[in-house]
C-alpha atoms as a PDB file:
ATOM      1  CA  MET A   1      29.966 -88.532   2.426  1.00  0.00           C
ATOM      2  CA  LYS A   2      30.787 -92.158   3.330  1.00  0.00           C
ATOM      3  CA  GLU A   3      28.465 -92.999   6.850  1.00  0.00           C
ATOM      4  CA  HIS A   4      30.044 -95.539   9.206  1.00  0.00           C
ATOM      5  CA  THR A   5      27.942 -97.883  10.935  1.00  0.00           C
ATOM      6  CA  THR A   6      29.043-100.526  13.436  1.00  0.00           C
ATOM      7  CA  LYS A   7      27.452-103.694  12.322  1.00  0.00           C
ATOM      8  CA  LEU A   8      26.803-106.319  14.517  1.00  0.00           C
ATOM      9  CA  VAL A   9      28.238-110.078  12.791  1.00  0.00           C
ATOM     10  CA  ASN A  10      26.084-112.804  14.933  1.00  0.00           C
ATOM     11  CA  ARG A  11      28.755-115.470  14.507  1.00  0.00           C
ATOM     12  CA  LYS A  12      28.236-119.189  15.460  1.00  0.00           C
ATOM     13  CA  THR A  13      30.615-120.799  17.200  1.00  0.00           C
ATOM     14  CA  PRO A  14      31.141-124.818  17.132  1.00  0.00           C
ATOM     15  CA  ARG A  15      29.363-125.205  20.092  1.00  0.00           C
ATOM     16  CA  ASP A  16      26.455-123.413  18.796  1.00  0.00           C
ATOM     17  CA  LEU A  17      26.695-125.356  15.864  1.00  0.00           C
ATOM     18  CA  LEU A  18      26.340-128.551  17.602  1.00  0.00           C
ATOM     19  CA  LEU A  19      23.873-127.675  20.203  1.00  0.00           C
ATOM     20  CA  CYS A  20      22.075-127.008  16.592  1.00  0.00           C
ATOM     21  CA  ALA A  21      22.341-129.660  15.250  1.00  0.00           C
ATOM     22  CA  LEU A  22      21.403-131.675  18.641  1.00  0.00           C
ATOM     23  CA  ARG A  23      18.138-129.718  18.595  1.00  0.00           C
ATOM     24  CA  ALA A  24      17.165-131.178  15.070  1.00  0.00           C
ATOM     25  CA  ILE A  25      18.252-134.543  15.470  1.00  0.00           C
ATOM     26  CA  GLY A  26      16.203-134.626  18.980  1.00  0.00           C
ATOM     27  CA  SER A  27      13.076-132.751  16.408  1.00  0.00           C
ATOM     28  CA  LYS A  28      13.652-135.743  13.859  1.00  0.00           C
ATOM     29  CA  ILE A  29      13.925-138.610  16.475  1.00  0.00           C
ATOM     30  CA  PHE A  30      11.038-137.250  19.280  1.00  0.00           C
ATOM     31  CA  ASP A  31       8.591-135.997  15.600  1.00  0.00           C
ATOM     32  CA  ALA A  32       6.387-139.036  16.344  1.00  0.00           C
ATOM     33  CA  ASP A  33       5.706-138.601  19.789  1.00  0.00           C
ATOM     34  CA  ASP A  34       5.863-135.147  20.279  1.00  0.00           C
ATOM     35  CA  ARG A  35       2.783-134.612  17.602  1.00  0.00           C
ATOM     36  CA  ARG A  36       0.981-138.002  20.123  1.00  0.00           C
ATOM     37  CA  ALA A  37       1.083-135.344  22.797  1.00  0.00           C
ATOM     38  CA  ARG A  38       0.066-132.081  21.522  1.00  0.00           C
ATOM     39  CA  ASP A  39      -2.418-133.808  19.861  1.00  0.00           C
ATOM     40  CA  LEU A  40      -3.499-134.867  23.439  1.00  0.00           C
ATOM     41  CA  GLY A  41      -3.179-132.022  25.295  1.00  0.00           C
ATOM     42  CA  TRP A  42      -0.144-132.609  26.879  1.00  0.00           C
ATOM     43  CA  GLN A  43       2.706-130.610  27.648  1.00  0.00           C
ATOM     44  CA  ILE A  44       6.130-131.180  26.092  1.00  0.00           C
ATOM     45  CA  THR A  45       9.367-130.075  27.816  1.00  0.00           C
ATOM     46  CA  SER A  46      12.787-130.797  26.133  1.00  0.00           C
ATOM     47  CA  GLY A  47      15.990-131.264  27.973  1.00  0.00           C
ATOM     48  CA  ARG A  48      19.199-133.243  27.213  1.00  0.00           C
ATOM     49  CA  HIS A  49      20.648-130.334  24.738  1.00  0.00           C
ATOM     50  CA  GLY A  50      16.896-131.538  22.719  1.00  0.00           C
ATOM     51  CA  LEU A  51      17.815-135.230  22.891  1.00  0.00           C
ATOM     52  CA  GLY A  52      15.375-135.593  25.431  1.00  0.00           C
ATOM     53  CA  ARG A  53      11.178-135.382  26.706  1.00  0.00           C
ATOM     54  CA  SER A  54       9.563-135.217  29.689  1.00  0.00           C
ATOM     55  CA  TYR A  55       5.436-135.436  28.427  1.00  0.00           C
ATOM     56  CA  ARG A  56       3.210-134.395  30.787  1.00  0.00           C
ATOM     57  CA  ASP A  57      -0.669-135.491  31.301  1.00  0.00           C
ATOM     58  CA  PRO A  58      -1.739-131.375  32.733  1.00  0.00           C
ATOM     59  CA  ARG A  59      -5.215-133.233  34.351  1.00  0.00           C
ATOM     60  CA  PHE A  60      -2.573-134.160  36.933  1.00  0.00           C
ATOM     61  CA  ASN A  61      -2.842-130.427  38.284  1.00  0.00           C
ATOM     62  CA  TYR A  62      -6.845-132.275  39.119  1.00  0.00           C
ATOM     63  CA  PHE A  63      -4.833-134.318  42.070  1.00  0.00           C
ATOM     64  CA  ILE A  64      -4.104-133.530  45.588  1.00  0.00           C
ATOM     65  CA  ALA A  65      -3.775-134.869  49.112  1.00  0.00           C
ATOM     66  CA  CYS A  66      -6.352-136.488  50.819  1.00  0.00           C
ATOM     67  CA  THR A  67      -7.518-134.450  52.985  1.00  0.00           C
ATOM     68  CA  ALA A  68      -9.003-136.583  55.124  1.00  0.00           C
ATOM     69  CA  CYS A  69      -5.383-139.048  56.062  1.00  0.00           C
ATOM     70  CA  GLY A  70      -3.249-136.155  55.220  1.00  0.00           C
ATOM     71  CA  GLY A  71      -2.353-137.677  52.098  1.00  0.00           C
ATOM     72  CA  HIS A  72      -1.178-140.963  53.683  1.00  0.00           C
ATOM     73  CA  GLY A  73      -3.581-143.673  52.487  1.00  0.00           C
ATOM     74  CA  CYS A  74      -4.129-145.225  56.016  1.00  0.00           C
ATOM     75  CA  ASN A  75      -5.025-143.206  59.502  1.00  0.00           C
ATOM     76  CA  PRO A  76      -2.433-143.756  62.334  1.00  0.00           C
ATOM     77  CA  SER A  77      -3.737-147.281  64.043  1.00  0.00           C
ATOM     78  CA  GLY A  78      -3.225-148.820  59.653  1.00  0.00           C
ATOM     79  CA  VAL A  79      -6.714-148.461  58.497  1.00  0.00           C
ATOM     80  CA  ILE A  80      -7.292-147.533  55.106  1.00  0.00           C
ATOM     81  CA  CYS A  81      -8.775-144.260  54.225  1.00  0.00           C
ATOM     82  CA  SER A  82     -12.732-144.965  52.834  1.00  0.00           C
ATOM     83  CA  GLU A  83     -12.701-141.158  51.426  1.00  0.00           C
ATOM     84  CA  CYS A  84      -9.826-141.918  49.128  1.00  0.00           C
ATOM     85  CA  SER A  85      -9.897-145.478  48.921  1.00  0.00           C
ATOM     86  CA  GLY A  86      -5.869-146.457  50.134  1.00  0.00           C
ATOM     87  CA  THR A  87      -4.269-143.725  47.676  1.00  0.00           C
ATOM     88  CA  GLY A  88      -3.594-140.362  49.828  1.00  0.00           C
ATOM     89  CA  ARG A  89      -5.680-138.748  46.781  1.00  0.00           C
ATOM     90  CA  ILE A  90      -8.429-137.032  45.685  1.00  0.00           C
ATOM     91  CA  ALA A  91      -8.991-135.842  42.410  1.00  0.00           C
ATOM     92  CA  LEU A  92     -11.048-131.974  42.156  1.00  0.00           C
ATOM     93  CA  ASN A  93     -13.040-131.291  38.740  1.00  0.00           C
ATOM     94  CA  ALA A  94     -11.718-129.147  36.679  1.00  0.00           C
ATOM     95  CA  THR A  95     -14.397-126.263  37.870  1.00  0.00           C
ATOM     96  CA  ASP A  96     -12.423-126.542  41.371  1.00  0.00           C
ATOM     97  CA  ALA A  97      -9.042-125.422  40.235  1.00  0.00           C
ATOM     98  CA  SER A  98     -10.084-122.332  41.766  1.00  0.00           C
ATOM     99  CA  TRP A  99      -9.453-123.968  44.554  1.00  0.00           C
ATOM    100  CA  PRO A 100      -6.377-122.417  47.031  1.00  0.00           C
ATOM    101  CA  GLY A 101      -3.561-124.179  45.157  1.00  0.00           C
ATOM    102  CA  GLY A 102      -5.189-124.445  41.840  1.00  0.00           C
ATOM    103  CA  GLY A 103      -5.123-128.446  42.021  1.00  0.00           C
ATOM    104  CA  ARG A 104      -2.011-128.312  42.341  1.00  0.00           C
ATOM    105  CA  GLN A 105      -0.665-130.050  45.456  1.00  0.00           C
END
């Protein structure tokens, strides 16, 4: 007796083929930049169907708004904050990342 089973056929639409080709082109275009970013430990986000990239250094997670000036860099009378030297942010140590907010602001 012959067994009848239903096989799912995964057909690629022209759109799927085009998106796959765009991702392949983007991979070739950004290959050197992606390798360098991985070597530096950066986060890589692909966008625009593979034809765009965004790179981010995770050390930025350790910056928070200055608590002395509220992130403004100066007090209400315009005097530059001595805690953050007017930048409006302070850097946490890697060990302080467990601080509320995890170093993200």
